[in-house]
């Protein structure tokens, strides 16, 4: 796989050099990064809350998550009233569950034990 990628990159650079357009390389890199961000599930933050988030709330959550994970993220917001209150964040295989329903379930288990 890595060899294939290296061949493609070398081919692209040769193509740009032959056409005397190497100055386009920074823009091509930026565009490829944008495409990768859209396609890579590890860069998508699925956020579930009990109510619809405002634009400001979405932006604040996105900024905080990008700071925590150290990379740009695309935010996908969902509403699930069953969580009662709080937020669930899923990024790739990581889940952050800060919901009241989770806390109530844990408390119920402790009381039964």
N, C-alpha and C. Protein backbone atom coordinates (compact mmCIF):
# COMPACT_ATOMS: atom_id res chain seq x y z
N UNK A 1 0.84 -1.20 0.00
CA UNK A 1 0.00 0.00 0.00
C UNK A 1 0.87 1.25 0.00
N UNK A 2 1.89 1.28 0.87
CA UNK A 2 2.74 2.46 0.95
C UNK A 2 3.49 2.69 -0.36
N UNK A 3 3.94 1.60 -1.00
CA UNK A 3 4.60 1.74 -2.29
C UNK A 3 3.68 2.36 -3.33
N UNK A 4 2.42 1.95 -3.33
CA UNK A 4 1.45 2.51 -4.27
C UNK A 4 1.28 4.00 -4.05
N UNK A 5 1.19 4.40 -2.80
CA UNK A 5 1.02 5.82 -2.47
C UNK A 5 2.26 6.60 -2.92
N UNK A 6 3.43 6.05 -2.64
CA UNK A 6 4.67 6.73 -3.05
C UNK A 6 4.74 6.87 -4.57
N UNK A 7 4.31 5.85 -5.29
CA UNK A 7 4.30 5.93 -6.76
C UNK A 7 3.36 7.03 -7.24
N UNK A 8 2.21 7.10 -6.62
CA UNK A 8 1.23 8.12 -7.01
C UNK A 8 1.78 9.52 -6.73
N UNK A 9 2.39 9.69 -5.57
CA UNK A 9 2.94 11.00 -5.20
C UNK A 9 4.07 11.38 -6.16
N UNK A 10 4.98 10.43 -6.42
CA UNK A 10 6.08 10.70 -7.36
C UNK A 10 5.53 11.04 -8.75
N UNK A 11 4.52 10.30 -9.19
CA UNK A 11 3.91 10.57 -10.48
C UNK A 11 3.29 11.95 -10.54
N UNK A 12 2.60 12.34 -9.48
CA UNK A 12 1.98 13.66 -9.43
C UNK A 12 3.05 14.76 -9.48
N UNK A 13 4.11 14.58 -8.72
CA UNK A 13 5.19 15.59 -8.71
C UNK A 13 5.84 15.68 -10.08
N UNK A 14 6.10 14.53 -10.71
CA UNK A 14 6.69 14.54 -12.06
C UNK A 14 5.75 15.25 -13.04
N UNK A 15 4.46 14.96 -12.95
CA UNK A 15 3.48 15.59 -13.82
C UNK A 15 3.50 17.11 -13.65
N UNK A 16 3.49 17.56 -12.39
CA UNK A 16 3.51 19.00 -12.13
C UNK A 16 4.81 19.63 -12.62
N UNK A 17 5.91 18.91 -12.47
CA UNK A 17 7.22 19.44 -12.89
C UNK A 17 7.26 19.58 -14.42
N UNK A 18 6.79 18.55 -15.13
CA UNK A 18 6.78 18.60 -16.60
C UNK A 18 5.93 19.77 -17.09
N UNK A 19 4.83 20.01 -16.41
CA UNK A 19 3.93 21.10 -16.81
C UNK A 19 4.34 22.44 -16.21
N UNK A 20 5.47 22.45 -15.47
CA UNK A 20 5.98 23.65 -14.82
C UNK A 20 4.92 24.26 -13.88
N UNK A 21 4.30 23.37 -13.08
CA UNK A 21 3.25 23.82 -12.17
C UNK A 21 3.48 23.32 -10.73
N UNK A 22 4.73 23.17 -10.35
CA UNK A 22 5.03 22.73 -8.98
C UNK A 22 4.49 23.70 -7.93
N UNK A 23 4.27 24.95 -8.33
CA UNK A 23 3.73 25.93 -7.39
C UNK A 23 2.30 25.58 -6.96
N UNK A 24 1.65 24.67 -7.67
CA UNK A 24 0.30 24.23 -7.29
C UNK A 24 0.31 23.22 -6.15
N UNK A 25 1.47 22.67 -5.85
CA UNK A 25 1.56 21.60 -4.85
C UNK A 25 0.97 21.97 -3.49
N UNK A 26 1.25 23.15 -2.92
CA UNK A 26 0.63 23.48 -1.62
C UNK A 26 -0.90 23.47 -1.66
N UNK A 27 -1.49 23.97 -2.75
CA UNK A 27 -2.94 23.97 -2.87
C UNK A 27 -3.47 22.54 -3.01
N UNK A 28 -2.77 21.72 -3.77
CA UNK A 28 -3.17 20.32 -3.93
C UNK A 28 -3.13 19.61 -2.58
N UNK A 29 -2.11 19.87 -1.79
CA UNK A 29 -1.99 19.25 -0.45
C UNK A 29 -3.17 19.69 0.43
N UNK A 30 -3.49 20.98 0.41
CA UNK A 30 -4.62 21.48 1.22
C UNK A 30 -5.92 20.81 0.78
N UNK A 31 -6.12 20.70 -0.52
CA UNK A 31 -7.35 20.07 -1.02
C UNK A 31 -7.42 18.59 -0.65
N UNK A 32 -6.28 17.90 -0.73
CA UNK A 32 -6.25 16.49 -0.33
C UNK A 32 -6.55 16.33 1.16
N UNK A 33 -6.03 17.23 1.98
CA UNK A 33 -6.31 17.19 3.42
C UNK A 33 -7.80 17.39 3.68
N UNK A 34 -8.42 18.31 2.95
CA UNK A 34 -9.87 18.53 3.11
C UNK A 34 -10.65 17.28 2.73
N UNK A 35 -10.26 16.67 1.60
CA UNK A 35 -10.94 15.45 1.16
C UNK A 35 -10.76 14.33 2.18
N UNK A 36 -9.55 14.19 2.70
CA UNK A 36 -9.28 13.14 3.69
C UNK A 36 -10.11 13.37 4.95
N UNK A 37 -10.24 14.63 5.36
CA UNK A 37 -11.05 14.95 6.54
C UNK A 37 -12.50 14.52 6.34
N UNK A 38 -13.01 14.74 5.13
CA UNK A 38 -14.40 14.36 4.85
C UNK A 38 -14.58 12.85 4.81
N UNK A 39 -13.57 12.13 4.38
CA UNK A 39 -13.70 10.69 4.17
C UNK A 39 -13.27 9.84 5.35
N UNK A 40 -12.40 10.36 6.20
CA UNK A 40 -11.83 9.56 7.29
C UNK A 40 -12.75 9.57 8.50
N UNK A 41 -13.27 8.39 8.90
CA UNK A 41 -14.18 8.34 10.05
C UNK A 41 -13.52 8.76 11.36
N UNK A 42 -12.20 8.63 11.46
CA UNK A 42 -11.53 9.02 12.70
C UNK A 42 -11.51 10.54 12.87
N UNK A 43 -11.92 11.29 11.86
CA UNK A 43 -11.98 12.73 11.96
C UNK A 43 -13.41 13.25 12.05
N UNK A 44 -14.33 12.34 12.30
CA UNK A 44 -15.73 12.72 12.45
C UNK A 44 -16.13 12.53 13.91
N UNK A 45 -16.59 13.60 14.52
CA UNK A 45 -17.07 13.54 15.90
C UNK A 45 -18.59 13.46 15.86
N UNK A 46 -19.13 12.30 16.28
CA UNK A 46 -20.57 12.14 16.37
C UNK A 46 -20.99 12.55 17.78
N UNK A 47 -21.77 13.59 17.85
CA UNK A 47 -22.18 14.15 19.14
C UNK A 47 -23.68 13.94 19.30
N UNK A 48 -24.06 13.31 20.40
CA UNK A 48 -25.47 13.06 20.69
C UNK A 48 -25.84 13.78 21.98
N UNK A 49 -26.92 14.54 21.91
CA UNK A 49 -27.41 15.27 23.07
C UNK A 49 -28.91 15.03 23.20
N UNK A 50 -29.48 15.43 24.33
CA UNK A 50 -30.91 15.24 24.57
C UNK A 50 -31.75 16.28 23.85
N UNK A 51 -31.13 17.36 23.41
CA UNK A 51 -31.86 18.42 22.73
C UNK A 51 -31.02 18.94 21.56
N UNK A 52 -31.66 19.69 20.67
CA UNK A 52 -30.98 20.27 19.51
C UNK A 52 -29.97 21.32 19.98
N UNK A 53 -28.74 21.21 19.50
CA UNK A 53 -27.70 22.18 19.85
C UNK A 53 -27.81 23.43 18.98
N UNK A 54 -27.46 24.57 19.56
CA UNK A 54 -27.40 25.80 18.77
C UNK A 54 -26.09 25.80 17.98
N UNK A 55 -25.98 26.69 17.04
CA UNK A 55 -24.75 26.82 16.25
C UNK A 55 -23.56 27.15 17.16
N UNK A 56 -23.79 28.01 18.13
CA UNK A 56 -22.72 28.38 19.05
C UNK A 56 -22.27 27.18 19.89
N UNK A 57 -23.23 26.41 20.39
CA UNK A 57 -22.89 25.21 21.18
C UNK A 57 -22.10 24.21 20.34
N UNK A 58 -22.52 24.02 19.10
CA UNK A 58 -21.79 23.11 18.21
C UNK A 58 -20.36 23.58 18.00
N UNK A 59 -20.19 24.87 17.77
CA UNK A 59 -18.85 25.41 17.53
C UNK A 59 -17.98 25.28 18.78
N UNK A 60 -18.53 25.55 19.95
CA UNK A 60 -17.77 25.43 21.19
C UNK A 60 -17.34 23.97 21.44
N UNK A 61 -18.26 23.04 21.21
CA UNK A 61 -17.95 21.61 21.38
C UNK A 61 -16.88 21.19 20.39
N UNK A 62 -17.03 21.60 19.13
CA UNK A 62 -16.06 21.25 18.08
C UNK A 62 -14.67 21.78 18.43
N UNK A 63 -14.60 23.03 18.85
CA UNK A 63 -13.32 23.64 19.21
C UNK A 63 -12.67 22.90 20.37
N UNK A 64 -13.46 22.56 21.38
CA UNK A 64 -12.93 21.85 22.54
C UNK A 64 -12.44 20.45 22.16
N UNK A 65 -13.21 19.74 21.34
CA UNK A 65 -12.82 18.39 20.92
C UNK A 65 -11.55 18.43 20.06
N UNK A 66 -11.45 19.41 19.18
CA UNK A 66 -10.25 19.54 18.36
C UNK A 66 -9.03 19.80 19.23
N UNK A 67 -9.22 20.57 20.28
CA UNK A 67 -8.14 20.82 21.23
C UNK A 67 -7.75 19.54 21.97
N UNK A 68 -8.74 18.77 22.40
CA UNK A 68 -8.48 17.52 23.11
C UNK A 68 -7.79 16.48 22.23
N UNK A 69 -8.25 16.35 20.98
CA UNK A 69 -7.73 15.30 20.10
C UNK A 69 -6.58 15.76 19.22
N UNK A 70 -6.31 17.06 19.21
CA UNK A 70 -5.17 17.58 18.47
C UNK A 70 -5.29 17.49 16.97
N UNK A 71 -6.50 17.55 16.46
CA UNK A 71 -6.70 17.53 15.00
C UNK A 71 -8.05 18.14 14.66
N UNK A 72 -8.21 18.51 13.40
CA UNK A 72 -9.47 19.06 12.92
C UNK A 72 -10.52 17.95 12.88
N UNK A 73 -11.73 18.29 13.25
CA UNK A 73 -12.83 17.32 13.28
C UNK A 73 -14.05 17.90 12.58
N UNK A 74 -14.79 17.03 11.95
CA UNK A 74 -16.10 17.40 11.43
C UNK A 74 -17.13 16.94 12.46
N UNK A 75 -18.08 17.80 12.78
CA UNK A 75 -19.06 17.49 13.81
C UNK A 75 -20.37 17.03 13.18
N UNK A 76 -20.89 15.90 13.66
CA UNK A 76 -22.21 15.41 13.27
C UNK A 76 -23.06 15.36 14.54
N UNK A 77 -24.05 16.22 14.61
CA UNK A 77 -24.89 16.31 15.81
C UNK A 77 -26.18 15.52 15.63
N UNK A 78 -26.56 14.81 16.70
CA UNK A 78 -27.79 14.03 16.72
C UNK A 78 -28.52 14.32 18.03
N UNK A 79 -29.81 14.07 18.01
CA UNK A 79 -30.63 14.26 19.21
C UNK A 79 -31.21 12.92 19.63
N UNK A 80 -31.08 12.60 20.93
CA UNK A 80 -31.68 11.39 21.50
C UNK A 80 -32.21 11.73 22.89
N UNK A 81 -33.52 12.00 23.02
CA UNK A 81 -34.08 12.41 24.30
C UNK A 81 -33.91 11.36 25.41
N UNK A 82 -33.63 10.10 25.02
CA UNK A 82 -33.48 9.04 26.03
C UNK A 82 -32.25 9.25 26.93
N UNK A 83 -31.31 10.06 26.49
CA UNK A 83 -30.13 10.26 27.34
C UNK A 83 -30.41 11.25 28.48
N UNK A 84 -31.57 11.84 28.48
CA UNK A 84 -32.07 12.75 29.51
C UNK A 84 -31.30 14.07 29.53
N UNK A 85 -30.00 14.00 29.80
CA UNK A 85 -29.17 15.20 29.88
C UNK A 85 -27.72 14.80 29.63
N UNK A 86 -26.92 15.73 29.15
CA UNK A 86 -25.51 15.44 28.94
C UNK A 86 -25.18 15.26 27.47
N UNK A 87 -24.08 14.56 27.22
CA UNK A 87 -23.57 14.43 25.87
C UNK A 87 -22.82 13.11 25.69
N UNK A 88 -22.94 12.53 24.50
CA UNK A 88 -22.14 11.37 24.10
C UNK A 88 -21.34 11.79 22.89
N UNK A 89 -20.03 11.55 22.93
CA UNK A 89 -19.15 11.88 21.80
C UNK A 89 -18.48 10.59 21.34
N UNK A 90 -18.59 10.32 20.03
CA UNK A 90 -17.92 9.16 19.43
C UNK A 90 -16.98 9.67 18.34
N UNK A 91 -15.71 9.31 18.49
CA UNK A 91 -14.71 9.63 17.47
C UNK A 91 -13.94 8.34 17.21
N UNK A 92 -14.15 7.78 16.00
CA UNK A 92 -13.56 6.49 15.63
C UNK A 92 -13.97 5.46 16.68
N UNK A 93 -13.01 4.86 17.39
CA UNK A 93 -13.33 3.83 18.37
C UNK A 93 -13.40 4.36 19.80
N UNK A 94 -13.33 5.67 19.96
CA UNK A 94 -13.39 6.28 21.30
C UNK A 94 -14.79 6.80 21.57
N UNK A 95 -15.27 6.56 22.80
CA UNK A 95 -16.59 7.04 23.21
C UNK A 95 -16.44 7.77 24.54
N UNK A 96 -16.99 8.97 24.59
CA UNK A 96 -17.05 9.75 25.82
C UNK A 96 -18.52 9.89 26.17
N UNK A 97 -18.94 9.26 27.27
CA UNK A 97 -20.34 9.27 27.66
C UNK A 97 -20.49 10.06 28.95
N UNK A 98 -21.01 11.26 28.84
CA UNK A 98 -21.21 12.13 30.00
C UNK A 98 -22.70 12.42 30.16
N UNK A 99 -23.51 11.34 30.14
CA UNK A 99 -24.95 11.51 30.19
C UNK A 99 -25.52 11.15 31.57
N UNK A 100 -26.65 11.73 31.86
CA UNK A 100 -27.35 11.42 33.10
C UNK A 100 -27.86 9.98 33.07
N UNK A 101 -28.30 9.51 31.92
CA UNK A 101 -28.81 8.15 31.82
C UNK A 101 -27.71 7.13 32.16
N UNK A 102 -26.48 7.37 31.74
CA UNK A 102 -25.37 6.47 32.08
C UNK A 102 -25.13 6.49 33.59
N UNK A 103 -25.13 7.67 34.16
CA UNK A 103 -24.92 7.79 35.60
C UNK A 103 -26.02 7.08 36.39
N UNK A 104 -27.26 7.23 35.92
CA UNK A 104 -28.38 6.57 36.60
C UNK A 104 -28.26 5.05 36.48
N UNK A 105 -27.85 4.55 35.33
CA UNK A 105 -27.65 3.10 35.15
C UNK A 105 -26.56 2.58 36.08
N UNK A 106 -25.46 3.31 36.20
CA UNK A 106 -24.38 2.90 37.09
C UNK A 106 -24.84 2.91 38.54
N UNK A 107 -25.58 3.92 38.93
CA UNK A 107 -26.10 4.01 40.29
C UNK A 107 -27.06 2.85 40.58
N UNK A 108 -27.91 2.51 39.62
CA UNK A 108 -28.83 1.40 39.77
C UNK A 108 -28.08 0.08 39.99
N UNK A 109 -27.02 -0.14 39.21
CA UNK A 109 -26.20 -1.35 39.35
C UNK A 109 -25.57 -1.41 40.74
N UNK A 110 -25.06 -0.27 41.22
CA UNK A 110 -24.43 -0.25 42.55
C UNK A 110 -25.45 -0.55 43.64
N UNK A 111 -26.66 -0.02 43.49
CA UNK A 111 -27.69 -0.25 44.50
C UNK A 111 -28.15 -1.71 44.52
N UNK A 112 -28.11 -2.36 43.36
CA UNK A 112 -28.52 -3.77 43.29
C UNK A 112 -27.46 -4.70 43.83
N UNK A 113 -26.22 -4.30 43.79
CA UNK A 113 -25.12 -5.17 44.28
C UNK A 113 -24.97 -5.15 45.76
